[in-house]
PDB file of N, CA and C in Angstrom:
ATOM      1  N   MET A   1       6.165   5.796 -15.058  1.00  0.00           N
ATOM      2  CA  MET A   1       7.451   5.745 -14.490  1.00  0.00           C
ATOM      3  C   MET A   1       7.682   7.838 -14.449  1.00  0.00           C
ATOM      4  N   GLY A   2       8.079   7.832 -13.707  1.00  0.00           N
ATOM      5  CA  GLY A   2       8.869   9.139 -12.947  1.00  0.00           C
ATOM      6  C   GLY A   2       9.487   9.923 -13.930  1.00  0.00           C
ATOM      7  N   ALA A   3       9.781  11.191 -13.419  1.00  0.00           N
ATOM      8  CA  ALA A   3      10.635  11.746 -14.634  1.00  0.00           C
ATOM      9  C   ALA A   3      12.120  11.162 -14.132  1.00  0.00           C
ATOM     10  N   HIS A   4      12.582  12.376 -15.382  1.00  0.00           N
ATOM     11  CA  HIS A   4      14.283  11.236 -15.431  1.00  0.00           C
ATOM     12  C   HIS A   4      15.109  11.707 -14.034  1.00  0.00           C
ATOM     13  N   THR A   5      15.648  10.889 -13.351  1.00  0.00           N
ATOM     14  CA  THR A   5      16.243  11.889 -12.055  1.00  0.00           C
ATOM     15  C   THR A   5      17.830  11.808 -11.944  1.00  0.00           C
ATOM     16  N   GLY A   6      18.757  11.006 -12.687  1.00  0.00           N
ATOM     17  CA  GLY A   6      20.125  10.642 -13.030  1.00  0.00           C
ATOM     18  C   GLY A   6      20.641  11.763 -13.366  1.00  0.00           C
ATOM     19  N   SER A   7      22.253  12.084 -12.757  1.00  0.00           N
ATOM     20  CA  SER A   7      22.802  13.529 -13.201  1.00  0.00           C
ATOM     21  C   SER A   7      23.487  13.507 -14.426  1.00  0.00           C
ATOM     22  N   ARG A   8      23.322  12.172 -15.531  1.00  0.00           N
ATOM     23  CA  ARG A   8      23.492  12.523 -16.589  1.00  0.00           C
ATOM     24  C   ARG A   8      22.281  13.028 -17.313  1.00  0.00           C
ATOM     25  N   ARG A   9      22.363  13.649 -18.455  1.00  0.00           N
ATOM     26  CA  ARG A   9      21.226  14.077 -19.392  1.00  0.00           C
ATOM     27  C   ARG A   9      21.684  14.042 -20.627  1.00  0.00           C
ATOM     28  N   CYS A  10      20.486  13.226 -21.174  1.00  0.00           N
ATOM     29  CA  CYS A  10      20.894  13.064 -23.095  1.00  0.00           C
ATOM     30  C   CYS A  10      20.332  14.390 -23.652  1.00  0.00           C
ATOM     31  N   SER A  11      21.494  14.399 -24.458  1.00  0.00           N
ATOM     32  CA  SER A  11      21.301  15.571 -25.243  1.00  0.00           C
ATOM     33  C   SER A  11      19.735  15.594 -26.333  1.00  0.00           C
ATOM     34  N   PRO A  12      19.456  16.619 -26.644  1.00  0.00           N
ATOM     35  CA  PRO A  12      18.163  15.840 -27.822  1.00  0.00           C
ATOM     36  C   PRO A  12      18.673  15.371 -29.199  1.00  0.00           C
ATOM     37  N   SER A  13      19.984  15.616 -29.620  1.00  0.00           N
ATOM     38  CA  SER A  13      20.357  15.057 -30.915  1.00  0.00           C
ATOM     39  C   SER A  13      20.506  13.583 -30.416  1.00  0.00           C
ATOM     40  N   THR A  14      20.676  13.593 -29.296  1.00  0.00           N
ATOM     41  CA  THR A  14      21.203  11.633 -28.928  1.00  0.00           C
ATOM     42  C   THR A  14      19.938  11.034 -29.182  1.00  0.00           C
ATOM     43  N   SER A  15      19.059  11.893 -28.277  1.00  0.00           N
ATOM     44  CA  SER A  15      17.713  11.189 -28.182  1.00  0.00           C
ATOM     45  C   SER A  15      17.001  11.202 -29.364  1.00  0.00           C
ATOM     46  N   THR A  16      17.412  11.855 -30.397  1.00  0.00           N
ATOM     47  CA  THR A  16      16.115  11.814 -31.473  1.00  0.00           C
ATOM     48  C   THR A  16      16.971  10.954 -32.687  1.00  0.00           C
ATOM     49  N   ALA A  17      18.046  10.775 -32.362  1.00  0.00           N
ATOM     50  CA  ALA A  17      19.173  10.062 -32.929  1.00  0.00           C
ATOM     51  C   ALA A  17      18.758   8.258 -32.841  1.00  0.00           C
ATOM     52  N   ARG A  18      18.439   8.339 -31.884  1.00  0.00           N
ATOM     53  CA  ARG A  18      18.046   6.835 -31.061  1.00  0.00           C
ATOM     54  C   ARG A  18      16.529   6.389 -31.823  1.00  0.00           C
ATOM     55  N   ARG A  19      15.835   7.483 -31.383  1.00  0.00           N
ATOM     56  CA  ARG A  19      14.338   6.878 -31.984  1.00  0.00           C
ATOM     57  C   ARG A  19      14.398   7.036 -33.841  1.00  0.00           C
ATOM     58  N   ARG A  20      15.321   7.292 -34.223  1.00  0.00           N
ATOM     59  CA  ARG A  20      15.087   7.315 -35.888  1.00  0.00           C
ATOM     60  C   ARG A  20      15.695   5.991 -35.891  1.00  0.00           C
ATOM     61  N   THR A  21      16.701   5.212 -35.002  1.00  0.00           N
ATOM     62  CA  THR A  21      17.380   4.280 -35.611  1.00  0.00           C
ATOM     63  C   THR A  21      16.373   3.014 -35.168  1.00  0.00           C
ATOM     64  N   ARG A  22      15.672   3.290 -34.001  1.00  0.00           N
ATOM     65  CA  ARG A  22      14.636   1.925 -33.514  1.00  0.00           C
ATOM     66  C   ARG A  22      13.810   1.795 -34.423  1.00  0.00           C
ATOM     67  N   PRO A  23      13.337   0.364 -34.794  1.00  0.00           N
ATOM     68  CA  PRO A  23      12.223   0.174 -35.514  1.00  0.00           C
ATOM     69  C   PRO A  23      10.744  -0.225 -34.880  1.00  0.00           C
ATOM     70  N   ALA A  24      10.343   0.182 -35.910  1.00  0.00           N
ATOM     71  CA  ALA A  24       8.799   0.252 -34.863  1.00  0.00           C
ATOM     72  C   ALA A  24       8.240  -1.080 -34.345  1.00  0.00           C
ATOM     73  N   ALA A  25       7.728  -0.977 -33.320  1.00  0.00           N
ATOM     74  CA  ALA A  25       7.565  -2.270 -31.997  1.00  0.00           C
ATOM     75  C   ALA A  25       5.936  -2.201 -32.422  1.00  0.00           C
ATOM     76  N   SER A  26       5.538  -3.616 -32.726  1.00  0.00           N
ATOM     77  CA  SER A  26       4.060  -4.219 -32.587  1.00  0.00           C
ATOM     78  C   SER A  26       4.425  -4.239 -30.685  1.00  0.00           C
ATOM     79  N   SER A  27       2.423  -4.120 -30.952  1.00  0.00           N
ATOM     80  CA  SER A  27       2.455  -4.282 -29.211  1.00  0.00           C
ATOM     81  C   SER A  27       2.147  -5.259 -28.941  1.00  0.00           C
ATOM     82  N   ALA A  28       2.150  -6.111 -27.886  1.00  0.00           N
ATOM     83  CA  ALA A  28       2.118  -7.261 -26.946  1.00  0.00           C
ATOM     84  C   ALA A  28       0.667  -7.924 -27.248  1.00  0.00           C
ATOM     85  N   ALA A  29      -0.277  -6.526 -27.300  1.00  0.00           N
ATOM     86  CA  ALA A  29      -1.635  -7.095 -27.360  1.00  0.00           C
ATOM     87  C   ALA A  29      -1.887  -7.405 -28.610  1.00  0.00           C
ATOM     88  N   THR A  30      -1.302  -6.749 -29.449  1.00  0.00           N
ATOM     89  CA  THR A  30      -1.907  -7.287 -31.241  1.00  0.00           C
ATOM     90  C   THR A  30      -1.522  -8.324 -31.308  1.00  0.00           C
ATOM     91  N   VAL A  31       0.097  -8.831 -30.801  1.00  0.00           N
ATOM     92  CA  VAL A  31       0.279 -10.213 -30.825  1.00  0.00           C
ATOM     93  C   VAL A  31      -0.256 -11.336 -30.590  1.00  0.00           C
ATOM     94  N   ALA A  32      -0.673 -11.100 -29.188  1.00  0.00           N
ATOM     95  CA  ALA A  32      -1.466 -11.863 -28.504  1.00  0.00           C
ATOM     96  C   ALA A  32      -2.543 -12.396 -29.088  1.00  0.00           C
ATOM     97  N   ALA A  33      -3.642 -10.777 -29.600  1.00  0.00           N
ATOM     98  CA  ALA A  33      -4.853 -11.280 -30.237  1.00  0.00           C
ATOM     99  C   ALA A  33      -4.717 -11.951 -31.319  1.00  0.00           C
ATOM    100  N   SER A  34      -3.569 -12.031 -32.493  1.00  0.00           N
ATOM    101  CA  SER A  34      -3.726 -12.720 -33.611  1.00  0.00           C
ATOM    102  C   SER A  34      -3.175 -14.039 -33.226  1.00  0.00           C
ATOM    103  N   ARG A  35      -2.914 -14.386 -32.216  1.00  0.00           N
ATOM    104  CA  ARG A  35      -2.618 -15.784 -31.907  1.00  0.00           C
ATOM    105  C   ARG A  35      -3.848 -16.663 -31.201  1.00  0.00           C
ATOM    106  N   PRO A  36      -4.061 -17.862 -31.778  1.00  0.00           N
ATOM    107  CA  PRO A  36      -5.077 -18.827 -31.388  1.00  0.00           C
ATOM    108  C   PRO A  36      -4.781 -18.623 -29.870  1.00  0.00           C
ATOM    109  N   SER A  37      -6.017 -18.976 -28.764  1.00  0.00           N
ATOM    110  CA  SER A  37      -5.994 -19.239 -27.707  1.00  0.00           C
ATOM    111  C   SER A  37      -5.416 -20.436 -27.525  1.00  0.00           C
ATOM    112  N   LEU A  38      -4.210 -20.973 -26.452  1.00  0.00           N
ATOM    113  CA  LEU A  38      -3.426 -22.306 -26.425  1.00  0.00           C
ATOM    114  C   LEU A  38      -4.265 -22.973 -24.850  1.00  0.00           C
ATOM    115  N   LYS A  39      -4.736 -21.866 -24.185  1.00  0.00           N
ATOM    116  CA  LYS A  39      -5.407 -22.721 -23.600  1.00  0.00           C
ATOM    117  C   LYS A  39      -6.439 -23.777 -23.236  1.00  0.00           C
ATOM    118  N   LYS A  40      -6.248 -24.653 -22.298  1.00  0.00           N
ATOM    119  CA  LYS A  40      -7.167 -25.457 -22.229  1.00  0.00           C
ATOM    120  C   LYS A  40      -8.370 -25.260 -20.960  1.00  0.00           C
ATOM    121  N   PRO A  41      -9.554 -25.570 -21.379  1.00  0.00           N
ATOM    122  CA  PRO A  41     -10.621 -25.118 -20.421  1.00  0.00           C
ATOM    123  C   PRO A  41     -10.301 -25.708 -19.119  1.00  0.00           C
ATOM    124  N   MET A  42     -10.915 -24.771 -18.172  1.00  0.00           N
ATOM    125  CA  MET A  42     -10.521 -25.529 -16.247  1.00  0.00           C
ATOM    126  C   MET A  42     -11.274 -26.366 -16.456  1.00  0.00           C
ATOM    127  N   SER A  43     -11.048 -27.323 -15.914  1.00  0.00           N
ATOM    128  CA  SER A  43     -11.639 -28.519 -15.272  1.00  0.00           C
ATOM    129  C   SER A  43     -12.507 -28.287 -13.977  1.00  0.00           C
ATOM    130  N   LYS A  44     -13.276 -29.164 -13.554  1.00  0.00           N
ATOM    131  CA  LYS A  44     -14.517 -28.797 -12.195  1.00  0.00           C
ATOM    132  C   LYS A  44     -12.968 -29.352 -11.157  1.00  0.00           C
ATOM    133  N   ASP A  45     -12.769 -29.844 -11.342  1.00  0.00           N
ATOM    134  CA  ASP A  45     -11.167 -30.103 -10.320  1.00  0.00           C
ATOM    135  C   ASP A  45     -10.546 -28.975 -10.340  1.00  0.00           C
ATOM    136  N   ASP A  46      -9.945 -28.308 -10.976  1.00  0.00           N
ATOM    137  CA  ASP A  46      -9.274 -26.967 -10.939  1.00  0.00           C
ATOM    138  C   ASP A  46      -9.883 -25.621 -10.813  1.00  0.00           C
ATOM    139  N   ALA A  47     -11.263 -25.855 -10.751  1.00  0.00           N
ATOM    140  CA  ALA A  47     -11.838 -24.940 -10.563  1.00  0.00           C
ATOM    141  C   ALA A  47     -12.377 -25.070  -8.548  1.00  0.00           C
ATOM    142  N   ALA A  48     -12.204 -26.275  -8.533  1.00  0.00           N
ATOM    143  CA  ALA A  48     -12.655 -26.225  -7.105  1.00  0.00           C
ATOM    144  C   ALA A  48     -11.041 -25.767  -6.171  1.00  0.00           C
ATOM    145  N   GLU A  49     -10.163 -26.121  -6.645  1.00  0.00           N
ATOM    146  CA  GLU A  49      -8.847 -25.946  -6.031  1.00  0.00           C
ATOM    147  C   GLU A  49      -8.837 -24.478  -5.776  1.00  0.00           C
ATOM    148  N   GLY A  50      -9.057 -23.998  -6.888  1.00  0.00           N
ATOM    149  CA  GLY A  50      -8.627 -22.592  -7.187  1.00  0.00           C
ATOM    150  C   GLY A  50      -9.808 -21.537  -6.214  1.00  0.00           C
ATOM    151  N   LYS A  51     -10.898 -22.199  -6.352  1.00  0.00           N
ATOM    152  CA  LYS A  51     -11.973 -21.543  -4.750  1.00  0.00           C
ATOM    153  C   LYS A  51     -11.471 -22.019  -3.183  1.00  0.00           C
ATOM    154  N   ALA A  52     -10.671 -23.380  -3.229  1.00  0.00           N
ATOM    155  CA  ALA A  52     -10.172 -23.533  -2.270  1.00  0.00           C
ATOM    156  C   ALA A  52      -8.899 -22.475  -2.114  1.00  0.00           C
ATOM    157  N   ARG A  53      -8.175 -22.270  -2.525  1.00  0.00           N
ATOM    158  CA  ARG A  53      -7.206 -21.761  -2.509  1.00  0.00           C
ATOM    159  C   ARG A  53      -7.271 -20.460  -1.839  1.00  0.00           C
ATOM    160  N   THR A  54      -8.466 -20.125  -2.775  1.00  0.00           N
ATOM    161  CA  THR A  54      -8.665 -18.157  -2.482  1.00  0.00           C
ATOM    162  C   THR A  54      -9.569 -18.295  -0.953  1.00  0.00           C
ATOM    163  N   LYS A  55      -9.969 -19.354  -0.737  1.00  0.00           N
ATOM    164  CA  LYS A  55     -10.654 -19.278   0.534  1.00  0.00           C
ATOM    165  C   LYS A  55      -9.731 -19.282   1.261  1.00  0.00           C
ATOM    166  N   ALA A  56      -8.708 -19.861   1.429  1.00  0.00           N
ATOM    167  CA  ALA A  56      -7.842 -20.491   2.156  1.00  0.00           C
ATOM    168  C   ALA A  56      -6.625 -19.022   2.524  1.00  0.00           C
ATOM    169  N   PHE A  57      -6.597 -18.515   1.585  1.00  0.00           N
ATOM    170  CA  PHE A  57      -6.474 -16.625   1.419  1.00  0.00           C
ATOM    171  C   PHE A  57      -7.021 -15.913   1.822  1.00  0.00           C
ATOM    172  N   SER A  58      -8.154 -15.686   1.697  1.00  0.00           N
ATOM    173  CA  SER A  58      -9.234 -14.851   2.776  1.00  0.00           C
ATOM    174  C   SER A  58      -8.901 -15.278   4.120  1.00  0.00           C
ATOM    175  N   ARG A  59      -9.382 -16.445   4.697  1.00  0.00           N
ATOM    176  CA  ARG A  59      -9.449 -16.558   5.886  1.00  0.00           C
ATOM    177  C   ARG A  59      -7.703 -16.745   6.552  1.00  0.00           C
ATOM    178  N   ARG A  60      -6.968 -16.458   5.641  1.00  0.00           N
ATOM    179  CA  ARG A  60      -5.434 -15.853   6.459  1.00  0.00           C
ATOM    180  C   ARG A  60      -5.441 -14.850   6.624  1.00  0.00           C
ATOM    181  N   ARG A  61      -5.840 -14.004   5.427  1.00  0.00           N
ATOM    182  CA  ARG A  61      -5.869 -12.647   5.673  1.00  0.00           C
ATOM    183  C   ARG A  61      -6.781 -11.981   6.455  1.00  0.00           C
ATOM    184  N   ASP A  62      -8.102 -12.666   6.826  1.00  0.00           N
ATOM    185  CA  ASP A  62      -8.824 -12.444   8.054  1.00  0.00           C
ATOM    186  C   ASP A  62      -8.064 -11.951   9.560  1.00  0.00           C
ATOM    187  N   MET A  63      -7.229 -13.360   9.173  1.00  0.00           N
ATOM    188  CA  MET A  63      -6.667 -13.850  10.767  1.00  0.00           C
ATOM    189  C   MET A  63      -5.740 -12.823  10.971  1.00  0.00           C
ATOM    190  N   GLU A  64      -4.654 -12.138   9.632  1.00  0.00           N
ATOM    191  CA  GLU A  64      -3.624 -11.003   9.552  1.00  0.00           C
ATOM    192  C   GLU A  64      -4.771  -9.824  10.439  1.00  0.00           C
ATOM    193  N   VAL A  65      -5.558  -9.663   9.673  1.00  0.00           N
ATOM    194  CA  VAL A  65      -6.063  -8.712  10.020  1.00  0.00           C
ATOM    195  C   VAL A  65      -6.595  -8.351  11.816  1.00  0.00           C
ATOM    196  N   ARG A  66      -7.349  -9.260  11.995  1.00  0.00           N
ATOM    197  CA  ARG A  66      -7.878  -9.204  13.510  1.00  0.00           C
ATOM    198  C   ARG A  66      -6.573  -9.197  14.168  1.00  0.00           C
ATOM    199  N   LYS A  67      -5.421  -9.849  14.478  1.00  0.00           N
ATOM    200  CA  LYS A  67      -4.189  -9.653  14.893  1.00  0.00           C
ATOM    201  C   LYS A  67      -3.967  -8.159  15.218  1.00  0.00           C
ATOM    202  N   LYS A  68      -3.933  -7.686  13.634  1.00  0.00           N
ATOM    203  CA  LYS A  68      -3.552  -6.562  13.757  1.00  0.00           C
ATOM    204  C   LYS A  68      -4.025  -5.230  14.299  1.00  0.00           C
ATOM    205  N   MET A  69      -5.660  -5.987  14.762  1.00  0.00           N
ATOM    206  CA  MET A  69      -6.353  -4.967  14.994  1.00  0.00           C
ATOM    207  C   MET A  69      -6.574  -5.348  16.852  1.00  0.00           C
ATOM    208  N   GLU A  70      -6.240  -6.519  17.218  1.00  0.00           N
ATOM    209  CA  GLU A  70      -6.057  -6.586  18.598  1.00  0.00           C
ATOM    210  C   GLU A  70      -5.018  -5.591  18.822  1.00  0.00           C
ATOM    211  N   VAL A  71      -4.175  -5.645  18.239  1.00  0.00           N
ATOM    212  CA  VAL A  71      -2.808  -4.880  18.615  1.00  0.00           C
ATOM    213  C   VAL A  71      -2.770  -3.568  18.833  1.00  0.00           C
ATOM    214  N   LEU A  72      -3.912  -2.744  17.572  1.00  0.00           N
ATOM    215  CA  LEU A  72      -4.418  -1.775  18.183  1.00  0.00           C
ATOM    216  C   LEU A  72      -5.288  -1.743  19.260  1.00  0.00           C
ATOM    217  N   ARG A  73      -6.214  -2.607  19.380  1.00  0.00           N
ATOM    218  CA  ARG A  73      -6.805  -2.406  20.356  1.00  0.00           C
ATOM    219  C   ARG A  73      -6.376  -2.152  21.899  1.00  0.00           C
ATOM    220  N   ARG A  74      -4.713  -2.697  22.363  1.00  0.00           N
ATOM    221  CA  ARG A  74      -3.929  -2.696  23.293  1.00  0.00           C
ATOM    222  C   ARG A  74      -3.324  -1.398  23.507  1.00  0.00           C
ATOM    223  N   LEU A  75      -3.224  -0.833  21.985  1.00  0.00           N
ATOM    224  CA  LEU A  75      -1.917   0.651  21.827  1.00  0.00           C
ATOM    225  C   LEU A  75      -3.071   1.687  22.272  1.00  0.00           C
ATOM    226  N   VAL A  76      -4.364   2.136  21.329  1.00  0.00           N
ATOM    227  CA  VAL A  76      -5.005   2.929  22.020  1.00  0.00           C
ATOM    228  C   VAL A  76      -5.682   2.883  23.180  1.00  0.00           C
ATOM    229  N   PRO A  77      -6.149   3.997  24.003  1.00  0.00           N
ATOM    230  CA  PRO A  77      -6.538   3.818  25.305  1.00  0.00           C
ATOM    231  C   PRO A  77      -7.975   3.900  25.196  1.00  0.00           C
ATOM    232  N   SER A  78      -8.698   2.997  26.285  1.00  0.00           N
ATOM    233  CA  SER A  78      -9.794   2.775  26.402  1.00  0.00           C
ATOM    234  C   SER A  78     -10.265   1.868  24.975  1.00  0.00           C
ATOM    235  N   GLY A  79      -9.444   1.400  24.038  1.00  0.00           N
ATOM    236  CA  GLY A  79      -9.357   0.230  23.201  1.00  0.00           C
ATOM    237  C   GLY A  79      -9.727  -1.261  23.438  1.00  0.00           C
ATOM    238  N   SER A  80     -10.296  -1.296  24.892  1.00  0.00           N
ATOM    239  CA  SER A  80     -10.469  -2.867  25.019  1.00  0.00           C
ATOM    240  C   SER A  80     -12.031  -3.003  24.490  1.00  0.00           C
ATOM    241  N   GLY A  81     -12.388  -4.182  24.107  1.00  0.00           N
ATOM    242  CA  GLY A  81     -13.631  -4.558  24.207  1.00  0.00           C
ATOM    243  C   GLY A  81     -13.408  -5.880  23.225  1.00  0.00           C
ATOM    244  N   SER A  82     -15.026  -5.789  22.509  1.00  0.00           N
ATOM    245  CA  SER A  82     -15.467  -6.947  21.804  1.00  0.00           C
ATOM    246  C   SER A  82     -14.840  -6.814  20.430  1.00  0.00           C
ATOM    247  N   SER A  83     -14.243  -7.881  19.273  1.00  0.00           N
ATOM    248  CA  SER A  83     -13.822  -7.607  18.357  1.00  0.00           C
ATOM    249  C   SER A  83     -15.094  -7.524  17.091  1.00  0.00           C
ATOM    250  N   ASP A  84     -16.253  -7.278  18.000  1.00  0.00           N
ATOM    251  CA  ASP A  84     -16.946  -7.009  16.539  1.00  0.00           C
ATOM    252  C   ASP A  84     -16.805  -6.123  15.342  1.00  0.00           C
ATOM    253  N   ASP A  85     -17.044  -6.714  14.227  1.00  0.00           N
ATOM    254  CA  ASP A  85     -16.741  -5.730  13.082  1.00  0.00           C
ATOM    255  C   ASP A  85     -17.112  -4.429  13.383  1.00  0.00           C
ATOM    256  N   ASP A  86     -18.400  -4.093  13.864  1.00  0.00           N
ATOM    257  CA  ASP A  86     -19.206  -2.937  14.135  1.00  0.00           C
ATOM    258  C   ASP A  86     -18.308  -2.055  14.895  1.00  0.00           C
ATOM    259  N   GLU A  87     -17.441  -2.392  15.539  1.00  0.00           N
ATOM    260  CA  GLU A  87     -16.771  -2.181  16.431  1.00  0.00           C
ATOM    261  C   GLU A  87     -15.150  -1.511  15.903  1.00  0.00           C
ATOM    262  N   VAL A  88     -14.910  -1.859  14.701  1.00  0.00           N
ATOM    263  CA  VAL A  88     -13.909  -1.461  13.985  1.00  0.00           C
ATOM    264  C   VAL A  88     -13.746   0.189  13.629  1.00  0.00           C
ATOM    265  N   ASP A  89     -15.029   0.356  12.687  1.00  0.00           N
ATOM    266  CA  ASP A  89     -14.965   1.700  12.818  1.00  0.00           C
ATOM    267  C   ASP A  89     -14.877   2.606  14.003  1.00  0.00           C
ATOM    268  N   GLU A  90     -15.319   2.040  14.873  1.00  0.00           N
ATOM    269  CA  GLU A  90     -14.901   3.125  16.201  1.00  0.00           C
ATOM    270  C   GLU A  90     -13.656   3.187  16.649  1.00  0.00           C
ATOM    271  N   LEU A  91     -12.846   1.731  16.617  1.00  0.00           N
ATOM    272  CA  LEU A  91     -11.679   1.732  17.224  1.00  0.00           C
ATOM    273  C   LEU A  91     -10.493   2.494  16.122  1.00  0.00           C
ATOM    274  N   LEU A  92     -11.379   2.349  15.287  1.00  0.00           N
ATOM    275  CA  LEU A  92     -10.211   3.696  13.716  1.00  0.00           C
ATOM    276  C   LEU A  92     -10.134   4.984  13.952  1.00  0.00           C
ATOM    277  N   LEU A  93     -11.649   5.110  14.328  1.00  0.00           N
ATOM    278  CA  LEU A  93     -11.778   6.950  15.062  1.00  0.00           C
ATOM    279  C   LEU A  93     -10.874   7.431  15.982  1.00  0.00           C
ATOM    280  N   ARG A  94     -11.146   5.993  17.165  1.00  0.00           N
ATOM    281  CA  ARG A  94     -10.265   6.245  17.892  1.00  0.00           C
ATOM    282  C   ARG A  94      -8.924   6.289  18.527  1.00  0.00           C
ATOM    283  N   ALA A  95      -8.279   5.438  17.363  1.00  0.00           N
ATOM    284  CA  ALA A  95      -7.155   5.959  16.798  1.00  0.00           C
ATOM    285  C   ALA A  95      -6.583   6.941  16.551  1.00  0.00           C
ATOM    286  N   ALA A  96      -7.265   7.361  15.448  1.00  0.00           N
ATOM    287  CA  ALA A  96      -6.512   8.853  14.532  1.00  0.00           C
ATOM    288  C   ALA A  96      -7.239   9.685  15.515  1.00  0.00           C
ATOM    289  N   GLY A  97      -7.925   9.762  16.249  1.00  0.00           N
ATOM    290  CA  GLY A  97      -7.941  11.127  17.628  1.00  0.00           C
ATOM    291  C   GLY A  97      -6.669  10.267  18.271  1.00  0.00           C
ATOM    292  N   TYR A  98      -6.721   9.708  18.649  1.00  0.00           N
ATOM    293  CA  TYR A  98      -5.295   9.064  19.735  1.00  0.00           C
ATOM    294  C   TYR A  98      -3.858  10.184  19.143  1.00  0.00           C
ATOM    295  N   ILE A  99      -3.419   9.611  17.975  1.00  0.00           N
ATOM    296  CA  ILE A  99      -2.669  10.193  16.822  1.00  0.00           C
ATOM    297  C   ILE A  99      -2.660  11.668  17.081  1.00  0.00           C
ATOM    298  N   ALA A 100      -3.930  12.332  16.745  1.00  0.00           N
ATOM    299  CA  ALA A 100      -3.927  13.472  16.790  1.00  0.00           C
ATOM    300  C   ALA A 100      -3.448  14.377  17.874  1.00  0.00           C
ATOM    301  N   TRP A 101      -4.038  13.961  19.177  1.00  0.00           N
ATOM    302  CA  TRP A 101      -3.885  14.111  20.842  1.00  0.00           C
ATOM    303  C   TRP A 101      -1.908  14.030  21.102  1.00  0.00           C
ATOM    304  N   LEU A 102      -1.513  12.758  20.218  1.00  0.00           N
ATOM    305  CA  LEU A 102      -0.260  12.744  20.866  1.00  0.00           C
ATOM    306  C   LEU A 102       0.497  13.605  19.850  1.00  0.00           C
ATOM    307  N   GLN A 103       0.225  13.929  18.747  1.00  0.00           N
ATOM    308  CA  GLN A 103       0.881  14.717  18.009  1.00  0.00           C
ATOM    309  C   GLN A 103       1.309  16.239  18.660  1.00  0.00           C
ATOM    310  N   SER A 104      -0.285  16.835  19.213  1.00  0.00           N
ATOM    311  CA  SER A 104      -0.382  18.072  19.637  1.00  0.00           C
ATOM    312  C   SER A 104       0.653  17.915  21.264  1.00  0.00           C
ATOM    313  N   GLN A 105       0.591  17.121  21.498  1.00  0.00           N
ATOM    314  CA  GLN A 105       1.199  16.821  23.234  1.00  0.00           C
ATOM    315  C   GLN A 105       2.807  17.323  22.487  1.00  0.00           C
ATOM    316  N   VAL A 106       3.299  16.070  21.613  1.00  0.00           N
ATOM    317  CA  VAL A 106       4.898  16.659  20.870  1.00  0.00           C
ATOM    318  C   VAL A 106       4.812  17.921  20.552  1.00  0.00           C
ATOM    319  N   THR A 107       3.801  18.610  19.676  1.00  0.00           N
ATOM    320  CA  THR A 107       4.252  20.246  19.659  1.00  0.00           C
ATOM    321  C   THR A 107       4.089  21.244  20.808  1.00  0.00           C
ATOM    322  N   VAL A 108       3.354  20.687  21.954  1.00  0.00           N
ATOM    323  CA  VAL A 108       3.255  21.368  22.957  1.00  0.00           C
ATOM    324  C   VAL A 108       4.526  21.011  23.846  1.00  0.00           C
ATOM    325  N   MET A 109       5.616  19.824  23.699  1.00  0.00           N
ATOM    326  CA  MET A 109       6.484  19.691  24.210  1.00  0.00           C
ATOM    327  C   MET A 109       7.784  20.625  23.712  1.00  0.00           C
ATOM    328  N   GLN A 110       7.649  20.444  22.255  1.00  0.00           N
ATOM    329  CA  GLN A 110       8.660  21.121  21.504  1.00  0.00           C
ATOM    330  C   GLN A 110       8.677  22.590  21.982  1.00  0.00           C
ATOM    331  N   PHE A 111       7.455  23.223  21.978  1.00  0.00           N
ATOM    332  CA  PHE A 111       7.302  24.419  22.458  1.00  0.00           C
ATOM    333  C   PHE A 111       7.772  25.045  23.658  1.00  0.00           C
ATOM    334  N   MET A 112       7.984  23.807  24.377  1.00  0.00           N
ATOM    335  CA  MET A 112       8.285  24.113  26.176  1.00  0.00           C
ATOM    336  C   MET A 112      10.010  24.366  26.193  1.00  0.00           C
ATOM    337  N   VAL A 113      10.588  23.236  24.981  1.00  0.00           N
ATOM    338  CA  VAL A 113      11.626  22.892  25.232  1.00  0.00           C
ATOM    339  C   VAL A 113      12.643  24.521  24.302  1.00  0.00           C
ATOM    340  N   ASP A 114      11.622  24.932  23.183  1.00  0.00           N
ATOM    341  CA  ASP A 114      12.209  26.115  22.876  1.00  0.00           C
ATOM    342  C   ASP A 114      12.205  27.366  23.454  1.00  0.00           C
ATOM    343  N   VAL A 115      11.297  27.252  24.605  1.00  0.00           N
ATOM    344  CA  VAL A 115      11.354  28.645  24.811  1.00  0.00           C
ATOM    345  C   VAL A 115      11.958  28.503  26.169  1.00  0.00           C
ATOM    346  N   LEU A 116      12.223  27.102  26.506  1.00  0.00           N
ATOM    347  CA  LEU A 116      13.765  26.739  28.090  1.00  0.00           C
ATOM    348  C   LEU A 116      14.883  27.258  27.192  1.00  0.00           C
ATOM    349  N   GLU A 117      15.051  26.752  26.332  1.00  0.00           N
ATOM    350  CA  GLU A 117      16.349  27.295  25.465  1.00  0.00           C
ATOM    351  C   GLU A 117      16.776  28.813  25.440  1.00  0.00           C
ATOM    352  N   ASP A 118      15.825  29.312  25.068  1.00  0.00           N
ATOM    353  CA  ASP A 118      15.697  30.352  24.532  1.00  0.00           C
ATOM    354  C   ASP A 118      16.072  31.434  25.825  1.00  0.00           C
ATOM    355  N   THR A 119      15.698  30.900  27.275  1.00  0.00           N
ATOM    356  CA  THR A 119      15.575  31.743  28.540  1.00  0.00           C
ATOM    357  C   THR A 119      16.999  31.443  28.975  1.00  0.00           C
ATOM    358  N   LYS A 120      17.940  30.274  28.719  1.00  0.00           N
ATOM    359  CA  LYS A 120      18.894  29.831  29.144  1.00  0.00           C
ATOM    360  C   LYS A 120      20.280  31.192  28.756  1.00  0.00           C
ATOM    361  N   HIS A 121      20.112  31.552  27.412  1.00  0.00           N
ATOM    362  CA  HIS A 121      20.807  32.263  26.709  1.00  0.00           C
ATOM    363  C   HIS A 121      20.976  33.506  27.029  1.00  0.00           C
TER     364      HIS A 121
END
């Protein structure tokens, strides 16, 4: 967690008083380690179902990535082509270059606006 960001601050005496009155807490790991495991062994059907779920999730994730890559291909100039995995790195590099080019264009246009505003006055 990050630092305290609220406007209220605890005084040192309040925080130390709280620390003294709190009982010592045992860690969850210690408690869990002292208890015997209540899990039953996984059956073959459960394992097969888990693998099927994992494969379905993987296929769904792959489809999402393919759709996003297709959108990126349409956005990046000269980004059309086949959807081979070898081309993914090239597409990402072209996209990064295109973003850098767009940023430079924005910088040039902002400079032009600043110059034009200065010449008006």
